[in-house]
N, C-alpha and C. Protein backbone atom coordinates (compact mmCIF):
# COMPACT_ATOMS: atom_id res chain seq x y z
N MET A 1 -118.32 -117.56 70.34
CA MET A 1 -119.61 -117.24 70.92
C MET A 1 -120.62 -117.14 69.78
N ALA A 2 -121.68 -117.90 69.87
CA ALA A 2 -122.70 -117.93 68.82
C ALA A 2 -123.61 -116.72 68.93
N THR A 3 -123.92 -116.16 67.76
CA THR A 3 -124.85 -115.04 67.72
C THR A 3 -126.03 -115.43 66.84
N VAL A 4 -127.18 -114.89 67.21
CA VAL A 4 -128.40 -115.14 66.45
C VAL A 4 -128.94 -113.80 66.00
N PRO A 5 -129.11 -113.60 64.68
CA PRO A 5 -129.67 -112.32 64.22
C PRO A 5 -131.17 -112.26 64.49
N LEU A 6 -131.62 -111.11 65.00
CA LEU A 6 -133.03 -110.92 65.29
C LEU A 6 -133.37 -109.46 65.04
N TRP A 7 -134.16 -109.18 64.00
CA TRP A 7 -134.59 -107.83 63.62
C TRP A 7 -133.41 -106.86 63.50
N GLY A 8 -132.32 -107.32 62.94
CA GLY A 8 -131.17 -106.46 62.74
C GLY A 8 -130.23 -106.39 63.93
N TRP A 9 -130.54 -107.09 65.00
CA TRP A 9 -129.69 -107.10 66.19
C TRP A 9 -128.99 -108.45 66.27
N GLU A 10 -127.80 -108.46 66.83
CA GLU A 10 -127.07 -109.70 67.06
C GLU A 10 -127.27 -110.11 68.52
N ILE A 11 -127.93 -111.22 68.74
CA ILE A 11 -128.22 -111.71 70.08
C ILE A 11 -127.17 -112.74 70.46
N THR A 12 -126.46 -112.49 71.57
CA THR A 12 -125.46 -113.45 72.06
C THR A 12 -125.98 -114.12 73.32
N ARG A 13 -125.35 -115.23 73.66
CA ARG A 13 -125.74 -115.95 74.88
C ARG A 13 -125.48 -115.07 76.11
N GLN A 14 -124.36 -114.36 76.12
CA GLN A 14 -124.03 -113.46 77.24
C GLN A 14 -125.06 -112.34 77.34
N GLY A 15 -125.42 -111.74 76.21
CA GLY A 15 -126.41 -110.66 76.21
C GLY A 15 -127.78 -111.15 76.65
N LEU A 16 -128.17 -112.33 76.19
CA LEU A 16 -129.45 -112.91 76.59
C LEU A 16 -129.47 -113.20 78.08
N SER A 17 -128.37 -113.75 78.59
CA SER A 17 -128.27 -114.04 80.02
C SER A 17 -128.35 -112.76 80.85
N SER A 18 -127.62 -111.73 80.43
CA SER A 18 -127.66 -110.45 81.15
C SER A 18 -129.05 -109.83 81.08
N GLY A 19 -129.69 -109.92 79.93
CA GLY A 19 -131.04 -109.38 79.78
C GLY A 19 -132.03 -110.06 80.69
N ILE A 20 -131.93 -111.38 80.81
CA ILE A 20 -132.82 -112.12 81.70
C ILE A 20 -132.57 -111.74 83.15
N ILE A 21 -131.30 -111.65 83.54
CA ILE A 21 -130.96 -111.30 84.93
C ILE A 21 -131.49 -109.92 85.28
N TYR A 22 -131.27 -108.94 84.41
CA TYR A 22 -131.74 -107.58 84.70
C TYR A 22 -133.27 -107.49 84.66
N SER A 23 -133.89 -108.27 83.80
CA SER A 23 -135.36 -108.29 83.77
C SER A 23 -135.93 -108.87 85.06
N VAL A 24 -135.31 -109.93 85.56
CA VAL A 24 -135.76 -110.53 86.82
C VAL A 24 -135.54 -109.55 87.97
N ARG A 25 -134.40 -108.85 87.97
CA ARG A 25 -134.14 -107.86 89.01
C ARG A 25 -135.17 -106.74 88.98
N LEU A 26 -135.50 -106.27 87.79
CA LEU A 26 -136.50 -105.21 87.66
C LEU A 26 -137.87 -105.70 88.13
N ALA A 27 -138.22 -106.93 87.75
CA ALA A 27 -139.51 -107.49 88.18
C ALA A 27 -139.55 -107.64 89.70
N GLU A 28 -138.44 -108.07 90.31
CA GLU A 28 -138.38 -108.17 91.77
C GLU A 28 -138.53 -106.81 92.42
N PHE A 29 -137.86 -105.81 91.86
CA PHE A 29 -137.96 -104.46 92.42
C PHE A 29 -139.40 -103.96 92.35
N VAL A 30 -140.04 -104.14 91.22
CA VAL A 30 -141.43 -103.71 91.06
C VAL A 30 -142.34 -104.47 92.03
N LEU A 31 -142.10 -105.77 92.18
CA LEU A 31 -142.90 -106.58 93.10
C LEU A 31 -142.74 -106.10 94.54
N PHE A 32 -141.50 -105.87 94.97
CA PHE A 32 -141.27 -105.42 96.35
C PHE A 32 -141.78 -104.00 96.56
N ALA A 33 -141.66 -103.14 95.55
CA ALA A 33 -142.19 -101.78 95.67
C ALA A 33 -143.71 -101.81 95.78
N ALA A 34 -144.35 -102.67 95.00
CA ALA A 34 -145.81 -102.80 95.09
C ALA A 34 -146.21 -103.36 96.45
N LEU A 35 -145.47 -104.35 96.93
CA LEU A 35 -145.75 -104.92 98.25
C LEU A 35 -145.59 -103.86 99.34
N LEU A 36 -144.56 -103.05 99.24
CA LEU A 36 -144.33 -101.98 100.22
C LEU A 36 -145.47 -100.97 100.20
N THR A 37 -145.87 -100.53 99.02
CA THR A 37 -146.92 -99.52 98.95
C THR A 37 -148.29 -100.07 99.34
N LEU A 38 -148.49 -101.38 99.18
CA LEU A 38 -149.77 -101.97 99.57
C LEU A 38 -149.87 -102.22 101.08
N THR A 39 -148.73 -102.39 101.74
CA THR A 39 -148.75 -102.73 103.16
C THR A 39 -148.37 -101.58 104.09
N THR A 40 -147.91 -100.47 103.53
CA THR A 40 -147.43 -99.36 104.35
C THR A 40 -148.11 -98.08 103.91
N SER A 41 -148.58 -97.32 104.86
CA SER A 41 -149.23 -96.05 104.51
C SER A 41 -148.18 -95.04 104.06
N PRO A 42 -148.57 -94.08 103.23
CA PRO A 42 -147.61 -93.06 102.80
C PRO A 42 -147.00 -92.28 103.96
N ILE A 43 -147.77 -92.04 105.01
CA ILE A 43 -147.23 -91.30 106.16
C ILE A 43 -146.13 -92.12 106.84
N GLU A 44 -146.36 -93.42 106.99
CA GLU A 44 -145.34 -94.28 107.60
C GLU A 44 -144.08 -94.33 106.74
N MET A 45 -144.26 -94.40 105.42
CA MET A 45 -143.09 -94.44 104.53
C MET A 45 -142.28 -93.15 104.61
N THR A 46 -142.97 -92.02 104.59
CA THR A 46 -142.22 -90.75 104.63
C THR A 46 -141.59 -90.52 105.99
N ASP A 47 -142.25 -90.93 107.07
CA ASP A 47 -141.63 -90.81 108.40
C ASP A 47 -140.39 -91.69 108.49
N ALA A 48 -140.49 -92.91 107.96
CA ALA A 48 -139.34 -93.82 107.97
C ALA A 48 -138.20 -93.26 107.12
N LEU A 49 -138.53 -92.73 105.96
CA LEU A 49 -137.52 -92.14 105.09
C LEU A 49 -136.86 -90.94 105.76
N ASP A 50 -137.65 -90.12 106.42
CA ASP A 50 -137.12 -88.97 107.13
C ASP A 50 -136.17 -89.41 108.23
N ARG A 51 -136.53 -90.47 108.92
CA ARG A 51 -135.68 -90.96 110.01
C ARG A 51 -134.39 -91.59 109.45
N MET A 52 -134.51 -92.32 108.33
CA MET A 52 -133.31 -92.94 107.75
C MET A 52 -132.33 -91.89 107.24
N LEU A 53 -132.86 -90.78 106.74
CA LEU A 53 -131.99 -89.74 106.19
C LEU A 53 -131.53 -88.73 107.25
N ALA A 54 -131.98 -88.89 108.48
CA ALA A 54 -131.64 -87.95 109.55
C ALA A 54 -130.13 -87.72 109.71
N PRO A 55 -129.27 -88.74 109.61
CA PRO A 55 -127.83 -88.47 109.75
C PRO A 55 -127.28 -87.50 108.69
N LEU A 56 -127.92 -87.44 107.53
CA LEU A 56 -127.45 -86.53 106.48
C LEU A 56 -127.73 -85.07 106.82
N LYS A 57 -128.66 -84.83 107.75
CA LYS A 57 -128.94 -83.45 108.18
C LYS A 57 -127.73 -82.86 108.87
N LYS A 58 -126.94 -83.71 109.54
CA LYS A 58 -125.78 -83.23 110.29
C LYS A 58 -124.69 -82.67 109.39
N ILE A 59 -124.67 -83.09 108.12
CA ILE A 59 -123.68 -82.54 107.20
C ILE A 59 -124.28 -81.45 106.32
N GLY A 60 -125.49 -81.03 106.66
CA GLY A 60 -126.09 -79.88 106.00
C GLY A 60 -126.97 -80.16 104.80
N LEU A 61 -127.26 -81.42 104.53
CA LEU A 61 -128.14 -81.73 103.39
C LEU A 61 -129.60 -81.50 103.77
N PRO A 62 -130.38 -80.89 102.88
CA PRO A 62 -131.79 -80.62 103.18
C PRO A 62 -132.65 -81.86 102.94
N THR A 63 -132.59 -82.80 103.85
CA THR A 63 -133.32 -84.06 103.67
C THR A 63 -134.82 -83.84 103.68
N HIS A 64 -135.28 -82.81 104.37
CA HIS A 64 -136.73 -82.55 104.42
C HIS A 64 -137.29 -82.28 103.02
N GLU A 65 -136.48 -81.67 102.16
CA GLU A 65 -136.94 -81.40 100.79
C GLU A 65 -137.06 -82.70 100.00
N PHE A 66 -136.11 -83.61 100.19
CA PHE A 66 -136.18 -84.89 99.50
C PHE A 66 -137.39 -85.69 99.98
N VAL A 67 -137.63 -85.68 101.29
CA VAL A 67 -138.78 -86.40 101.85
C VAL A 67 -140.08 -85.79 101.34
N LEU A 68 -140.13 -84.47 101.24
CA LEU A 68 -141.32 -83.81 100.69
C LEU A 68 -141.55 -84.24 99.24
N MET A 69 -140.48 -84.30 98.44
CA MET A 69 -140.63 -84.74 97.05
C MET A 69 -141.16 -86.17 96.98
N MET A 70 -140.65 -87.05 97.84
CA MET A 70 -141.12 -88.44 97.84
C MET A 70 -142.59 -88.51 98.26
N THR A 71 -142.97 -87.72 99.25
CA THR A 71 -144.35 -87.71 99.71
C THR A 71 -145.28 -87.24 98.60
N LEU A 72 -144.89 -86.17 97.93
CA LEU A 72 -145.72 -85.65 96.84
C LEU A 72 -145.80 -86.63 95.68
N ALA A 73 -144.68 -87.30 95.38
CA ALA A 73 -144.69 -88.29 94.30
C ALA A 73 -145.62 -89.45 94.64
N LEU A 74 -145.56 -89.92 95.88
CA LEU A 74 -146.46 -91.01 96.30
C LEU A 74 -147.91 -90.57 96.24
N ARG A 75 -148.15 -89.33 96.57
CA ARG A 75 -149.53 -88.82 96.55
C ARG A 75 -150.04 -88.66 95.12
N PHE A 76 -149.13 -88.30 94.20
CA PHE A 76 -149.55 -88.02 92.83
C PHE A 76 -149.70 -89.28 91.98
N ILE A 77 -149.11 -90.39 92.35
CA ILE A 77 -149.19 -91.60 91.52
C ILE A 77 -150.63 -92.05 91.31
N PRO A 78 -151.45 -92.23 92.36
CA PRO A 78 -152.84 -92.64 92.10
C PRO A 78 -153.63 -91.58 91.33
N ILE A 79 -153.36 -90.31 91.61
CA ILE A 79 -154.04 -89.23 90.90
C ILE A 79 -153.68 -89.28 89.42
N LEU A 80 -152.41 -89.51 89.13
CA LEU A 80 -151.93 -89.59 87.75
C LEU A 80 -152.58 -90.77 87.03
N LEU A 81 -152.69 -91.91 87.69
CA LEU A 81 -153.31 -93.08 87.06
C LEU A 81 -154.80 -92.84 86.79
N GLU A 82 -155.49 -92.22 87.74
CA GLU A 82 -156.91 -91.91 87.53
C GLU A 82 -157.08 -90.92 86.37
N GLU A 83 -156.22 -89.93 86.31
CA GLU A 83 -156.30 -88.93 85.25
C GLU A 83 -156.03 -89.57 83.89
N ALA A 84 -155.04 -90.46 83.81
CA ALA A 84 -154.74 -91.16 82.56
C ALA A 84 -155.93 -92.01 82.12
N ASP A 85 -156.56 -92.69 83.07
CA ASP A 85 -157.74 -93.50 82.76
C ASP A 85 -158.89 -92.62 82.27
N ARG A 86 -159.09 -91.48 82.92
CA ARG A 86 -160.16 -90.56 82.51
C ARG A 86 -159.91 -90.04 81.10
N ILE A 87 -158.68 -89.66 80.80
CA ILE A 87 -158.35 -89.14 79.47
C ILE A 87 -158.50 -90.24 78.42
N GLN A 88 -158.07 -91.46 78.76
CA GLN A 88 -158.19 -92.57 77.81
C GLN A 88 -159.66 -92.84 77.50
N LYS A 89 -160.52 -92.84 78.52
CA LYS A 89 -161.95 -93.07 78.28
C LYS A 89 -162.55 -91.94 77.45
N ALA A 90 -162.12 -90.71 77.69
CA ALA A 90 -162.62 -89.59 76.89
C ALA A 90 -162.18 -89.75 75.43
N GLN A 91 -160.94 -90.16 75.21
CA GLN A 91 -160.44 -90.36 73.85
C GLN A 91 -161.18 -91.52 73.17
N MET A 92 -161.46 -92.58 73.93
CA MET A 92 -162.19 -93.71 73.36
C MET A 92 -163.62 -93.31 72.99
N SER A 93 -164.23 -92.42 73.77
CA SER A 93 -165.58 -91.98 73.44
C SER A 93 -165.59 -91.14 72.16
N ARG A 94 -164.43 -90.61 71.80
CA ARG A 94 -164.31 -89.84 70.55
C ARG A 94 -163.84 -90.72 69.38
N GLY A 95 -163.71 -92.03 69.62
CA GLY A 95 -163.38 -92.94 68.53
C GLY A 95 -161.95 -93.43 68.51
N ALA A 96 -161.13 -93.06 69.48
CA ALA A 96 -159.75 -93.53 69.51
C ALA A 96 -159.73 -95.01 69.89
N THR A 97 -158.78 -95.73 69.31
CA THR A 97 -158.63 -97.15 69.64
C THR A 97 -157.25 -97.35 70.26
N PHE A 98 -157.19 -98.24 71.22
CA PHE A 98 -155.93 -98.55 71.89
C PHE A 98 -155.61 -100.02 71.74
N GLU A 99 -155.88 -100.55 70.56
CA GLU A 99 -155.66 -101.96 70.30
C GLU A 99 -154.69 -102.09 69.13
N GLY A 100 -154.29 -103.32 68.85
CA GLY A 100 -153.38 -103.60 67.76
C GLY A 100 -152.07 -104.15 68.27
N ASN A 101 -151.07 -104.15 67.38
CA ASN A 101 -149.77 -104.67 67.79
C ASN A 101 -149.06 -103.64 68.69
N LEU A 102 -147.88 -103.98 69.14
CA LEU A 102 -147.16 -103.15 70.10
C LEU A 102 -146.91 -101.74 69.55
N ILE A 103 -146.49 -101.63 68.31
CA ILE A 103 -146.20 -100.32 67.71
C ILE A 103 -147.47 -99.47 67.64
N GLN A 104 -148.58 -100.07 67.23
CA GLN A 104 -149.85 -99.33 67.14
C GLN A 104 -150.32 -98.86 68.52
N ARG A 105 -150.13 -99.71 69.53
CA ARG A 105 -150.54 -99.30 70.88
C ARG A 105 -149.66 -98.17 71.41
N ILE A 106 -148.37 -98.22 71.12
CA ILE A 106 -147.48 -97.14 71.54
C ILE A 106 -147.88 -95.84 70.86
N LYS A 107 -148.16 -95.91 69.56
CA LYS A 107 -148.59 -94.70 68.83
C LYS A 107 -149.92 -94.17 69.36
N SER A 108 -150.81 -95.07 69.80
CA SER A 108 -152.11 -94.61 70.29
C SER A 108 -152.02 -93.97 71.67
N VAL A 109 -150.94 -94.24 72.40
CA VAL A 109 -150.76 -93.64 73.73
C VAL A 109 -150.25 -92.20 73.63
N ILE A 110 -149.56 -91.87 72.55
CA ILE A 110 -148.98 -90.53 72.40
C ILE A 110 -150.02 -89.42 72.53
N PRO A 111 -151.22 -89.53 71.94
CA PRO A 111 -152.21 -88.46 72.14
C PRO A 111 -152.70 -88.32 73.59
N LEU A 112 -152.47 -89.33 74.42
CA LEU A 112 -152.83 -89.23 75.84
C LEU A 112 -151.83 -88.38 76.62
N LEU A 113 -150.59 -88.35 76.14
CA LEU A 113 -149.53 -87.72 76.92
C LEU A 113 -149.69 -86.21 77.06
N ILE A 114 -150.07 -85.53 76.00
CA ILE A 114 -150.18 -84.06 76.07
C ILE A 114 -151.24 -83.63 77.08
N PRO A 115 -152.49 -84.15 77.01
CA PRO A 115 -153.46 -83.75 78.03
C PRO A 115 -153.05 -84.19 79.44
N LEU A 116 -152.37 -85.34 79.53
CA LEU A 116 -151.93 -85.81 80.84
C LEU A 116 -150.88 -84.88 81.43
N PHE A 117 -149.90 -84.47 80.62
CA PHE A 117 -148.88 -83.54 81.11
C PHE A 117 -149.48 -82.19 81.48
N ILE A 118 -150.42 -81.72 80.68
CA ILE A 118 -151.08 -80.44 81.00
C ILE A 118 -151.80 -80.55 82.35
N SER A 119 -152.49 -81.66 82.57
CA SER A 119 -153.20 -81.87 83.83
C SER A 119 -152.23 -81.97 85.00
N VAL A 120 -151.13 -82.69 84.81
CA VAL A 120 -150.13 -82.84 85.88
C VAL A 120 -149.53 -81.49 86.23
N PHE A 121 -149.17 -80.70 85.22
CA PHE A 121 -148.58 -79.38 85.49
C PHE A 121 -149.59 -78.46 86.17
N ARG A 122 -150.85 -78.56 85.79
CA ARG A 122 -151.89 -77.75 86.44
C ARG A 122 -152.03 -78.13 87.91
N ARG A 123 -152.05 -79.43 88.18
CA ARG A 123 -152.17 -79.89 89.58
C ARG A 123 -150.93 -79.50 90.39
N ALA A 124 -149.76 -79.61 89.79
CA ALA A 124 -148.54 -79.21 90.49
C ALA A 124 -148.54 -77.72 90.79
N ASP A 125 -149.02 -76.92 89.84
CA ASP A 125 -149.11 -75.48 90.06
C ASP A 125 -150.11 -75.16 91.17
N ASP A 126 -151.25 -75.85 91.17
CA ASP A 126 -152.24 -75.65 92.24
C ASP A 126 -151.65 -76.01 93.60
N LEU A 127 -150.89 -77.10 93.65
CA LEU A 127 -150.27 -77.51 94.90
C LEU A 127 -149.23 -76.48 95.36
N ALA A 128 -148.43 -75.98 94.43
CA ALA A 128 -147.43 -74.97 94.78
C ALA A 128 -148.10 -73.71 95.31
N LEU A 129 -149.20 -73.29 94.68
CA LEU A 129 -149.93 -72.11 95.16
C LEU A 129 -150.51 -72.35 96.54
N ALA A 130 -151.04 -73.55 96.78
CA ALA A 130 -151.61 -73.86 98.10
C ALA A 130 -150.53 -73.87 99.17
N MET A 131 -149.37 -74.43 98.86
CA MET A 131 -148.27 -74.44 99.83
C MET A 131 -147.77 -73.03 100.10
N ASP A 132 -147.69 -72.24 99.06
CA ASP A 132 -147.26 -70.85 99.22
C ASP A 132 -148.28 -70.05 100.04
N ALA A 133 -149.57 -70.28 99.80
CA ALA A 133 -150.61 -69.57 100.54
C ALA A 133 -150.59 -69.92 102.02
N ARG A 134 -150.12 -71.13 102.34
CA ARG A 134 -150.04 -71.55 103.74
C ARG A 134 -148.68 -71.23 104.35
N CYS A 135 -147.84 -70.50 103.59
CA CYS A 135 -146.50 -70.10 104.06
C CYS A 135 -145.66 -71.31 104.46
N TYR A 136 -145.71 -72.35 103.64
CA TYR A 136 -144.95 -73.57 103.95
C TYR A 136 -143.46 -73.30 103.86
N VAL A 137 -142.74 -73.69 104.89
CA VAL A 137 -141.29 -73.65 104.90
C VAL A 137 -140.83 -75.04 105.34
N GLY A 138 -140.15 -75.74 104.46
CA GLY A 138 -139.79 -77.11 104.74
C GLY A 138 -138.82 -77.26 105.90
N GLY A 139 -139.09 -78.24 106.75
CA GLY A 139 -138.18 -78.60 107.81
C GLY A 139 -138.17 -77.71 109.03
N LYS A 140 -138.86 -76.61 109.03
CA LYS A 140 -138.85 -75.68 110.16
C LYS A 140 -139.84 -76.15 111.22
N ASN A 141 -139.35 -76.41 112.41
CA ASN A 141 -140.17 -76.77 113.56
C ASN A 141 -141.17 -77.89 113.26
N ARG A 142 -140.73 -78.87 112.50
CA ARG A 142 -141.61 -79.98 112.15
C ARG A 142 -141.69 -80.97 113.30
N THR A 143 -142.88 -81.41 113.59
CA THR A 143 -143.08 -82.41 114.64
C THR A 143 -143.67 -83.67 114.02
N SER A 144 -143.55 -84.77 114.74
CA SER A 144 -144.08 -86.04 114.26
C SER A 144 -145.32 -86.42 115.05
N TYR A 145 -146.28 -86.96 114.36
CA TYR A 145 -147.49 -87.45 115.00
C TYR A 145 -147.17 -88.68 115.83
N LYS A 146 -146.29 -89.51 115.29
CA LYS A 146 -145.95 -90.77 115.94
C LYS A 146 -144.43 -90.90 115.97
N ILE A 147 -143.89 -91.18 117.13
CA ILE A 147 -142.45 -91.36 117.27
C ILE A 147 -142.11 -92.80 116.89
N LEU A 148 -141.18 -92.96 115.95
CA LEU A 148 -140.80 -94.29 115.48
C LEU A 148 -139.72 -94.87 116.38
N THR A 149 -139.86 -96.14 116.70
CA THR A 149 -138.84 -96.86 117.45
C THR A 149 -138.56 -98.17 116.73
N MET A 150 -137.31 -98.62 116.83
CA MET A 150 -136.90 -99.86 116.18
C MET A 150 -137.33 -101.03 117.06
N LYS A 151 -138.11 -101.94 116.49
CA LYS A 151 -138.59 -103.11 117.22
C LYS A 151 -137.89 -104.36 116.69
N ARG A 152 -138.13 -105.47 117.35
CA ARG A 152 -137.48 -106.73 116.99
C ARG A 152 -137.79 -107.13 115.55
N MET A 153 -139.06 -107.02 115.14
CA MET A 153 -139.43 -107.39 113.77
C MET A 153 -138.78 -106.46 112.74
N ASP A 154 -138.56 -105.21 113.11
CA ASP A 154 -137.88 -104.28 112.20
C ASP A 154 -136.45 -104.73 111.96
N VAL A 155 -135.77 -105.17 113.02
CA VAL A 155 -134.39 -105.65 112.89
C VAL A 155 -134.36 -106.90 112.02
N ILE A 156 -135.30 -107.82 112.24
CA ILE A 156 -135.36 -109.05 111.44
C ILE A 156 -135.61 -108.71 109.97
N ALA A 157 -136.54 -107.81 109.71
CA ALA A 157 -136.84 -107.42 108.33
C ALA A 157 -135.64 -106.74 107.68
N LEU A 158 -134.93 -105.91 108.45
CA LEU A 158 -133.74 -105.22 107.92
C LEU A 158 -132.65 -106.22 107.58
N VAL A 159 -132.40 -107.18 108.46
CA VAL A 159 -131.39 -108.21 108.20
C VAL A 159 -131.78 -109.02 106.97
N PHE A 160 -133.05 -109.39 106.85
CA PHE A 160 -133.52 -110.13 105.68
C PHE A 160 -133.33 -109.32 104.41
N ALA A 161 -133.70 -108.05 104.43
CA ALA A 161 -133.59 -107.20 103.24
C ALA A 161 -132.14 -107.02 102.81
N ILE A 162 -131.25 -106.79 103.77
CA ILE A 162 -129.83 -106.61 103.44
C ILE A 162 -129.26 -107.92 102.91
N SER A 163 -129.61 -109.04 103.54
CA SER A 163 -129.13 -110.35 103.07
C SER A 163 -129.63 -110.63 101.66
N TYR A 164 -130.90 -110.37 101.43
CA TYR A 164 -131.48 -110.59 100.11
C TYR A 164 -130.78 -109.73 99.06
N ALA A 165 -130.60 -108.46 99.37
CA ALA A 165 -129.94 -107.56 98.43
C ALA A 165 -128.51 -108.01 98.17
N PHE A 166 -127.82 -108.44 99.20
CA PHE A 166 -126.43 -108.87 99.03
C PHE A 166 -126.34 -110.11 98.16
N PHE A 167 -127.15 -111.12 98.43
CA PHE A 167 -127.05 -112.38 97.71
C PHE A 167 -127.59 -112.32 96.29
N PHE A 168 -128.59 -111.48 96.02
CA PHE A 168 -129.21 -111.48 94.71
C PHE A 168 -128.82 -110.30 93.82
N PHE A 169 -128.31 -109.23 94.39
CA PHE A 169 -128.01 -108.06 93.58
C PHE A 169 -126.53 -107.73 93.48
N VAL A 170 -125.72 -108.25 94.37
CA VAL A 170 -124.29 -107.98 94.34
C VAL A 170 -123.62 -109.13 93.61
N LYS A 171 -122.82 -108.77 92.62
CA LYS A 171 -122.13 -109.83 91.87
C LYS A 171 -120.81 -110.15 92.52
């Protein structure tokens, strides 16, 4: 098996092939996740997730807590991106540069992380206080605005998704 040295690493044909396969899989996952979030509202996603996890409630797993975490994560992603953009613009107004080679750009992002984490923790604390003030108890007497039913297109999409996953992700 031929190896090619690159920056102190030995690159093999098998390793290169595996790297390409996993990179394509990751890109597909990101593409489908972006497509899902662009075409489905967060409420529909969390209702669907709650319904899919419903059988796990029978064995005592607190699925409502997992669904709540997913809902909050989906809600925080755009807020996090806006906050990162705001902090980056503030740093640039103070003379910070985010240009150069890959190493320089990675180093320039590090000063963004501390204010971003502080902001995220502050927002999470505010959310926890708001939920506590409203006496939130997960899963107790929860009702749905819209009752979900499985339709023909849902079955077709499910069969397509399972077939796709089987043929492209299972070795």
